[in-house]
Amino acid sequence: MNMTAPLQRVPDRTPVTTREVANRLRDVAAARAEEALAELPAIARRIRTLLLVVSISVPVFIGALAVIAWRLVH
């Protein structure tokens, strides 16, 4: 997915003012911030799934190691 929007062609005129550049940069920053905020629910779901998998698999792994150690001792 291409995250960058194509640049809009500015009519041929001079000079481009600092204020115009600042406004354009502010608009681009606002658009990127909105895109980042839109991704938060998906990231939260992935983190929740990761925590669920880890919370199940780590205790099972430790339990299996305990069983193996118990068998080796006895």
PDB file of N, CA and C in Angstrom:
ATOM      1  N   MET A   1       0.848  -1.161   0.000  1.00  0.00           N
ATOM      2  CA  MET A   1       0.000   0.000   0.000  1.00  0.00           C
ATOM      3  C   MET A   1       0.900   1.233   0.000  1.00  0.00           C
ATOM      4  N   ASN A   2       0.624   2.149  -0.881  1.00  0.00           N
ATOM      5  CA  ASN A   2       1.392   3.374  -0.975  1.00  0.00           C
ATOM      6  C   ASN A   2       0.792   4.394  -0.026  1.00  0.00           C
ATOM      7  N   MET A   3       1.591   4.816   0.976  1.00  0.00           N
ATOM      8  CA  MET A   3       1.091   5.720   2.006  1.00  0.00           C
ATOM      9  C   MET A   3       1.219   7.187   1.597  1.00  0.00           C
ATOM     10  N   THR A   4       1.927   7.465   0.517  1.00  0.00           N
ATOM     11  CA  THR A   4       2.121   8.852   0.130  1.00  0.00           C
ATOM     12  C   THR A   4       1.181   9.226  -0.996  1.00  0.00           C
ATOM     13  N   ALA A   5       0.554  10.355  -0.852  1.00  0.00           N
ATOM     14  CA  ALA A   5      -0.343  10.852  -1.888  1.00  0.00           C
ATOM     15  C   ALA A   5       0.492  11.536  -2.970  1.00  0.00           C
ATOM     16  N   PRO A   6       0.044  11.461  -4.191  1.00  0.00           N
ATOM     17  CA  PRO A   6       0.799  12.152  -5.235  1.00  0.00           C
ATOM     18  C   PRO A   6       0.776  13.658  -4.996  1.00  0.00           C
ATOM     19  N   LEU A   7       1.870  14.290  -5.354  1.00  0.00           N
ATOM     20  CA  LEU A   7       1.952  15.732  -5.170  1.00  0.00           C
ATOM     21  C   LEU A   7       1.021  16.435  -6.134  1.00  0.00           C
ATOM     22  N   GLN A   8       0.390  17.461  -5.645  1.00  0.00           N
ATOM     23  CA  GLN A   8      -0.492  18.245  -6.501  1.00  0.00           C
ATOM     24  C   GLN A   8       0.346  19.284  -7.231  1.00  0.00           C
ATOM     25  N   ARG A   9       0.027  19.468  -8.463  1.00  0.00           N
ATOM     26  CA  ARG A   9       0.768  20.428  -9.280  1.00  0.00           C
ATOM     27  C   ARG A   9       0.332  21.837  -8.912  1.00  0.00           C
ATOM     28  N   VAL A  10       1.312  22.655  -8.558  1.00  0.00           N
ATOM     29  CA  VAL A  10       1.047  24.052  -8.228  1.00  0.00           C
ATOM     30  C   VAL A  10       1.142  24.847  -9.524  1.00  0.00           C
ATOM     31  N   PRO A  11       0.184  25.719  -9.766  1.00  0.00           N
ATOM     32  CA  PRO A  11       0.272  26.536 -10.984  1.00  0.00           C
ATOM     33  C   PRO A  11       1.597  27.298 -11.016  1.00  0.00           C
ATOM     34  N   ASP A  12       2.108  27.486 -12.209  1.00  0.00           N
ATOM     35  CA  ASP A  12       3.389  28.182 -12.350  1.00  0.00           C
ATOM     36  C   ASP A  12       3.238  29.622 -11.913  1.00  0.00           C
ATOM     37  N   ARG A  13       3.786  29.901 -10.753  1.00  0.00           N
ATOM     38  CA  ARG A  13       3.789  31.259 -10.241  1.00  0.00           C
ATOM     39  C   ARG A  13       4.943  31.369  -9.257  1.00  0.00           C
ATOM     40  N   THR A  14       5.428  32.517  -9.102  1.00  0.00           N
ATOM     41  CA  THR A  14       6.524  32.729  -8.167  1.00  0.00           C
ATOM     42  C   THR A  14       6.221  33.968  -7.348  1.00  0.00           C
ATOM     43  N   PRO A  15       6.674  34.097  -6.200  1.00  0.00           N
ATOM     44  CA  PRO A  15       7.378  33.101  -5.409  1.00  0.00           C
ATOM     45  C   PRO A  15       6.392  32.291  -4.561  1.00  0.00           C
ATOM     46  N   VAL A  16       6.817  31.130  -4.076  1.00  0.00           N
ATOM     47  CA  VAL A  16       6.037  30.342  -3.132  1.00  0.00           C
ATOM     48  C   VAL A  16       6.427  30.837  -1.752  1.00  0.00           C
ATOM     49  N   THR A  17       5.442  31.212  -0.983  1.00  0.00           N
ATOM     50  CA  THR A  17       5.748  31.817   0.321  1.00  0.00           C
ATOM     51  C   THR A  17       5.982  30.752   1.384  1.00  0.00           C
ATOM     52  N   THR A  18       6.647  31.167   2.416  1.00  0.00           N
ATOM     53  CA  THR A  18       6.899  30.275   3.547  1.00  0.00           C
ATOM     54  C   THR A  18       5.588  29.848   4.184  1.00  0.00           C
ATOM     55  N   ARG A  19       4.640  30.749   4.224  1.00  0.00           N
ATOM     56  CA  ARG A  19       3.332  30.423   4.807  1.00  0.00           C
ATOM     57  C   ARG A  19       2.634  29.324   4.001  1.00  0.00           C
ATOM     58  N   GLU A  20       2.718  29.381   2.683  1.00  0.00           N
ATOM     59  CA  GLU A  20       2.105  28.338   1.849  1.00  0.00           C
ATOM     60  C   GLU A  20       2.772  26.989   2.096  1.00  0.00           C
ATOM     61  N   VAL A  21       4.092  26.992   2.197  1.00  0.00           N
ATOM     62  CA  VAL A  21       4.813  25.744   2.478  1.00  0.00           C
ATOM     63  C   VAL A  21       4.419  25.218   3.852  1.00  0.00           C
ATOM     64  N   ALA A  22       4.351  26.084   4.844  1.00  0.00           N
ATOM     65  CA  ALA A  22       3.972  25.670   6.193  1.00  0.00           C
ATOM     66  C   ALA A  22       2.552  25.104   6.217  1.00  0.00           C
ATOM     67  N   ASN A  23       1.640  25.740   5.490  1.00  0.00           N
ATOM     68  CA  ASN A  23       0.261  25.236   5.427  1.00  0.00           C
ATOM     69  C   ASN A  23       0.211  23.864   4.775  1.00  0.00           C
ATOM     70  N   ARG A  24       0.974  23.685   3.703  1.00  0.00           N
ATOM     71  CA  ARG A  24       0.995  22.384   3.021  1.00  0.00           C
ATOM     72  C   ARG A  24       1.574  21.310   3.937  1.00  0.00           C
ATOM     73  N   LEU A  25       2.656  21.640   4.633  1.00  0.00           N
ATOM     74  CA  LEU A  25       3.253  20.684   5.563  1.00  0.00           C
ATOM     75  C   LEU A  25       2.300  20.336   6.694  1.00  0.00           C
ATOM     76  N   ARG A  26       1.559  21.340   7.188  1.00  0.00           N
ATOM     77  CA  ARG A  26       0.577  21.086   8.246  1.00  0.00           C
ATOM     78  C   ARG A  26      -0.525  20.159   7.745  1.00  0.00           C
ATOM     79  N   ASP A  27      -0.988  20.382   6.518  1.00  0.00           N
ATOM     80  CA  ASP A  27      -2.031  19.529   5.939  1.00  0.00           C
ATOM     81  C   ASP A  27      -1.546  18.088   5.786  1.00  0.00           C
ATOM     82  N   VAL A  28      -0.323  17.939   5.317  1.00  0.00           N
ATOM     83  CA  VAL A  28       0.234  16.593   5.139  1.00  0.00           C
ATOM     84  C   VAL A  28       0.397  15.909   6.491  1.00  0.00           C
ATOM     85  N   ALA A  29       0.893  16.636   7.493  1.00  0.00           N
ATOM     86  CA  ALA A  29       1.063  16.068   8.831  1.00  0.00           C
ATOM     87  C   ALA A  29      -0.286  15.651   9.422  1.00  0.00           C
ATOM     88  N   ALA A  30      -1.310  16.459   9.207  1.00  0.00           N
ATOM     89  CA  ALA A  30      -2.639  16.113   9.714  1.00  0.00           C
ATOM     90  C   ALA A  30      -3.173  14.854   9.036  1.00  0.00           C
ATOM     91  N   ALA A  31      -2.936  14.730   7.745  1.00  0.00           N
ATOM     92  CA  ALA A  31      -3.397  13.542   7.021  1.00  0.00           C
ATOM     93  C   ALA A  31      -2.673  12.296   7.520  1.00  0.00           C
ATOM     94  N   ARG A  32      -1.370  12.406   7.743  1.00  0.00           N
ATOM     95  CA  ARG A  32      -0.603  11.247   8.246  1.00  0.00           C
ATOM     96  C   ARG A  32      -1.044  10.882   9.659  1.00  0.00           C
ATOM     97  N   ALA A  33      -1.336  11.869  10.475  1.00  0.00           N
ATOM     98  CA  ALA A  33      -1.811  11.591  11.834  1.00  0.00           C
ATOM     99  C   ALA A  33      -3.151  10.860  11.798  1.00  0.00           C
ATOM    100  N   GLU A  34      -4.040  11.258  10.908  1.00  0.00           N
ATOM    101  CA  GLU A  34      -5.322  10.571  10.774  1.00  0.00           C
ATOM    102  C   GLU A  34      -5.118   9.130  10.330  1.00  0.00           C
ATOM    103  N   GLU A  35      -4.184   8.898   9.406  1.00  0.00           N
ATOM    104  CA  GLU A  35      -3.896   7.535   8.961  1.00  0.00           C
ATOM    105  C   GLU A  35      -3.357   6.691  10.103  1.00  0.00           C
ATOM    106  N   ALA A  36      -2.466   7.275  10.908  1.00  0.00           N
ATOM    107  CA  ALA A  36      -1.904   6.543  12.040  1.00  0.00           C
ATOM    108  C   ALA A  36      -2.985   6.207  13.064  1.00  0.00           C
ATOM    109  N   LEU A  37      -3.868   7.153  13.346  1.00  0.00           N
ATOM    110  CA  LEU A  37      -4.952   6.898  14.291  1.00  0.00           C
ATOM    111  C   LEU A  37      -5.914   5.835  13.773  1.00  0.00           C
ATOM    112  N   ALA A  38      -6.088   5.786  12.477  1.00  0.00           N
ATOM    113  CA  ALA A  38      -6.979   4.778  11.903  1.00  0.00           C
ATOM    114  C   ALA A  38      -6.414   3.373  12.078  1.00  0.00           C
ATOM    115  N   GLU A  39      -5.094   3.241  12.215  1.00  0.00           N
ATOM    116  CA  GLU A  39      -4.461   1.935  12.378  1.00  0.00           C
ATOM    117  C   GLU A  39      -4.501   1.425  13.816  1.00  0.00           C
ATOM    118  N   LEU A  40      -4.788   2.266  14.786  1.00  0.00           N
ATOM    119  CA  LEU A  40      -4.742   1.856  16.191  1.00  0.00           C
ATOM    120  C   LEU A  40      -5.644   0.674  16.529  1.00  0.00           C
ATOM    121  N   PRO A  41      -6.894   0.617  16.058  1.00  0.00           N
ATOM    122  CA  PRO A  41      -7.716  -0.556  16.394  1.00  0.00           C
ATOM    123  C   PRO A  41      -7.122  -1.857  15.890  1.00  0.00           C
ATOM    124  N   ALA A  42      -6.542  -1.854  14.702  1.00  0.00           N
ATOM    125  CA  ALA A  42      -5.928  -3.074  14.163  1.00  0.00           C
ATOM    126  C   ALA A  42      -4.718  -3.471  14.997  1.00  0.00           C
ATOM    127  N   ILE A  43      -3.927  -2.501  15.401  1.00  0.00           N
ATOM    128  CA  ILE A  43      -2.755  -2.789  16.227  1.00  0.00           C
ATOM    129  C   ILE A  43      -3.194  -3.341  17.580  1.00  0.00           C
ATOM    130  N   ALA A  44      -4.238  -2.774  18.154  1.00  0.00           N
ATOM    131  CA  ALA A  44      -4.739  -3.249  19.447  1.00  0.00           C
ATOM    132  C   ALA A  44      -5.220  -4.698  19.345  1.00  0.00           C
ATOM    133  N   ARG A  45      -5.878  -5.046  18.244  1.00  0.00           N
ATOM    134  CA  ARG A  45      -6.318  -6.435  18.060  1.00  0.00           C
ATOM    135  C   ARG A  45      -5.127  -7.370  17.969  1.00  0.00           C
ATOM    136  N   ARG A  46      -4.087  -6.949  17.250  1.00  0.00           N
ATOM    137  CA  ARG A  46      -2.896  -7.800  17.124  1.00  0.00           C
ATOM    138  C   ARG A  46      -2.217  -7.988  18.471  1.00  0.00           C
ATOM    139  N   ILE A  47      -2.126  -6.918  19.249  1.00  0.00           N
ATOM    140  CA  ILE A  47      -1.494  -7.022  20.566  1.00  0.00           C
ATOM    141  C   ILE A  47      -2.324  -7.917  21.477  1.00  0.00           C
ATOM    142  N   ARG A  48      -3.640  -7.781  21.421  1.00  0.00           N
ATOM    143  CA  ARG A  48      -4.510  -8.625  22.242  1.00  0.00           C
ATOM    144  C   ARG A  48      -4.335 -10.096  21.882  1.00  0.00           C
ATOM    145  N   THR A  49      -4.249 -10.393  20.590  1.00  0.00           N
ATOM    146  CA  THR A  49      -4.043 -11.772  20.151  1.00  0.00           C
ATOM    147  C   THR A  49      -2.680 -12.287  20.613  1.00  0.00           C
ATOM    148  N   LEU A  50      -1.648 -11.457  20.483  1.00  0.00           N
ATOM    149  CA  LEU A  50      -0.317 -11.853  20.934  1.00  0.00           C
ATOM    150  C   LEU A  50      -0.314 -12.159  22.425  1.00  0.00           C
ATOM    151  N   LEU A  51      -0.935 -11.308  23.225  1.00  0.00           N
ATOM    152  CA  LEU A  51      -0.988 -11.539  24.664  1.00  0.00           C
ATOM    153  C   LEU A  51      -1.745 -12.820  24.997  1.00  0.00           C
ATOM    154  N   LEU A  52      -2.813 -13.101  24.276  1.00  0.00           N
ATOM    155  CA  LEU A  52      -3.572 -14.326  24.499  1.00  0.00           C
ATOM    156  C   LEU A  52      -2.708 -15.551  24.199  1.00  0.00           C
ATOM    157  N   VAL A  53      -2.019 -15.534  23.077  1.00  0.00           N
ATOM    158  CA  VAL A  53      -1.170 -16.670  22.695  1.00  0.00           C
ATOM    159  C   VAL A  53      -0.042 -16.861  23.706  1.00  0.00           C
ATOM    160  N   VAL A  54       0.587 -15.771  24.112  1.00  0.00           N
ATOM    161  CA  VAL A  54       1.693 -15.865  25.072  1.00  0.00           C
ATOM    162  C   VAL A  54       1.183 -16.347  26.424  1.00  0.00           C
ATOM    163  N   SER A  55       0.029 -15.852  26.853  1.00  0.00           N
ATOM    164  CA  SER A  55      -0.495 -16.242  28.163  1.00  0.00           C
ATOM    165  C   SER A  55      -0.890 -17.711  28.214  1.00  0.00           C
ATOM    166  N   ILE A  56      -1.143 -18.316  27.080  1.00  0.00           N
ATOM    167  CA  ILE A  56      -1.455 -19.749  27.044  1.00  0.00           C
ATOM    168  C   ILE A  56      -0.197 -20.571  26.816  1.00  0.00           C
ATOM    169  N   SER A  57       0.628 -20.172  25.863  1.00  0.00           N
ATOM    170  CA  SER A  57       1.760 -21.011  25.473  1.00  0.00           C
ATOM    171  C   SER A  57       2.900 -21.015  26.488  1.00  0.00           C
ATOM    172  N   VAL A  58       3.167 -19.905  27.154  1.00  0.00           N
ATOM    173  CA  VAL A  58       4.277 -19.869  28.113  1.00  0.00           C
ATOM    174  C   VAL A  58       3.996 -20.785  29.315  1.00  0.00           C
ATOM    175  N   PRO A  59       2.836 -20.724  29.942  1.00  0.00           N
ATOM    176  CA  PRO A  59       2.586 -21.674  31.046  1.00  0.00           C
ATOM    177  C   PRO A  59       2.612 -23.138  30.586  1.00  0.00           C
ATOM    178  N   VAL A  60       2.108 -23.419  29.408  1.00  0.00           N
ATOM    179  CA  VAL A  60       2.139 -24.792  28.902  1.00  0.00           C
ATOM    180  C   VAL A  60       3.587 -25.231  28.695  1.00  0.00           C
ATOM    181  N   PHE A  61       4.417 -24.363  28.137  1.00  0.00           N
ATOM    182  CA  PHE A  61       5.824 -24.678  27.926  1.00  0.00           C
ATOM    183  C   PHE A  61       6.538 -24.929  29.253  1.00  0.00           C
ATOM    184  N   ILE A  62       6.297 -24.066  30.243  1.00  0.00           N
ATOM    185  CA  ILE A  62       6.930 -24.237  31.555  1.00  0.00           C
ATOM    186  C   ILE A  62       6.446 -25.528  32.213  1.00  0.00           C
ATOM    187  N   GLY A  63       5.146 -25.819  32.073  1.00  0.00           N
ATOM    188  CA  GLY A  63       4.623 -27.076  32.612  1.00  0.00           C
ATOM    189  C   GLY A  63       5.258 -28.284  31.949  1.00  0.00           C
ATOM    190  N   ALA A  64       5.444 -28.224  30.639  1.00  0.00           N
ATOM    191  CA  ALA A  64       6.083 -29.336  29.926  1.00  0.00           C
ATOM    192  C   ALA A  64       7.528 -29.509  30.385  1.00  0.00           C
ATOM    193  N   LEU A  65       8.237 -28.406  30.597  1.00  0.00           N
ATOM    194  CA  LEU A  65       9.605 -28.507  31.112  1.00  0.00           C
ATOM    195  C   LEU A  65       9.621 -29.129  32.508  1.00  0.00           C
ATOM    196  N   ALA A  66       8.645 -28.771  33.326  1.00  0.00           N
ATOM    197  CA  ALA A  66       8.563 -29.343  34.669  1.00  0.00           C
ATOM    198  C   ALA A  66       8.317 -30.847  34.594  1.00  0.00           C
ATOM    199  N   VAL A  67       7.448 -31.267  33.702  1.00  0.00           N
ATOM    200  CA  VAL A  67       7.170 -32.708  33.540  1.00  0.00           C
ATOM    201  C   VAL A  67       8.427 -33.427  33.068  1.00  0.00           C
ATOM    202  N   ILE A  68       9.132 -32.865  32.110  1.00  0.00           N
ATOM    203  CA  ILE A  68      10.358 -33.489  31.605  1.00  0.00           C
ATOM    204  C   ILE A  68      11.406 -33.561  32.715  1.00  0.00           C
ATOM    205  N   ALA A  69      11.553 -32.488  33.475  1.00  0.00           N
ATOM    206  CA  ALA A  69      12.519 -32.495  34.573  1.00  0.00           C
ATOM    207  C   ALA A  69      12.129 -33.523  35.629  1.00  0.00           C
ATOM    208  N   TRP A  70      10.833 -33.625  35.925  1.00  0.00           N
ATOM    209  CA  TRP A  70      10.350 -34.622  36.891  1.00  0.00           C
ATOM    210  C   TRP A  70      10.667 -36.042  36.428  1.00  0.00           C
ATOM    211  N   ARG A  71      10.461 -36.304  35.130  1.00  0.00           N
ATOM    212  CA  ARG A  71      10.745 -37.639  34.579  1.00  0.00           C
ATOM    213  C   ARG A  71      12.235 -37.939  34.614  1.00  0.00           C
ATOM    214  N   LEU A  72      13.060 -36.948  34.369  1.00  0.00           N
ATOM    215  CA  LEU A  72      14.511 -37.166  34.390  1.00  0.00           C
ATOM    216  C   LEU A  72      15.009 -37.435  35.809  1.00  0.00           C
ATOM    217  N   VAL A  73      14.401 -36.804  36.797  1.00  0.00           N
ATOM    218  CA  VAL A  73      14.831 -36.980  38.178  1.00  0.00           C
ATOM    219  C   VAL A  73      14.401 -38.343  38.703  1.00  0.00           C
ATOM    220  N   HIS A  74      13.216 -38.778  38.341  1.00  0.00           N
ATOM    221  CA  HIS A  74      12.680 -40.053  38.871  1.00  0.00           C
ATOM    222  C   HIS A  74      12.800 -41.132  37.876  1.00  0.00           C
TER     223      HIS A  74
END
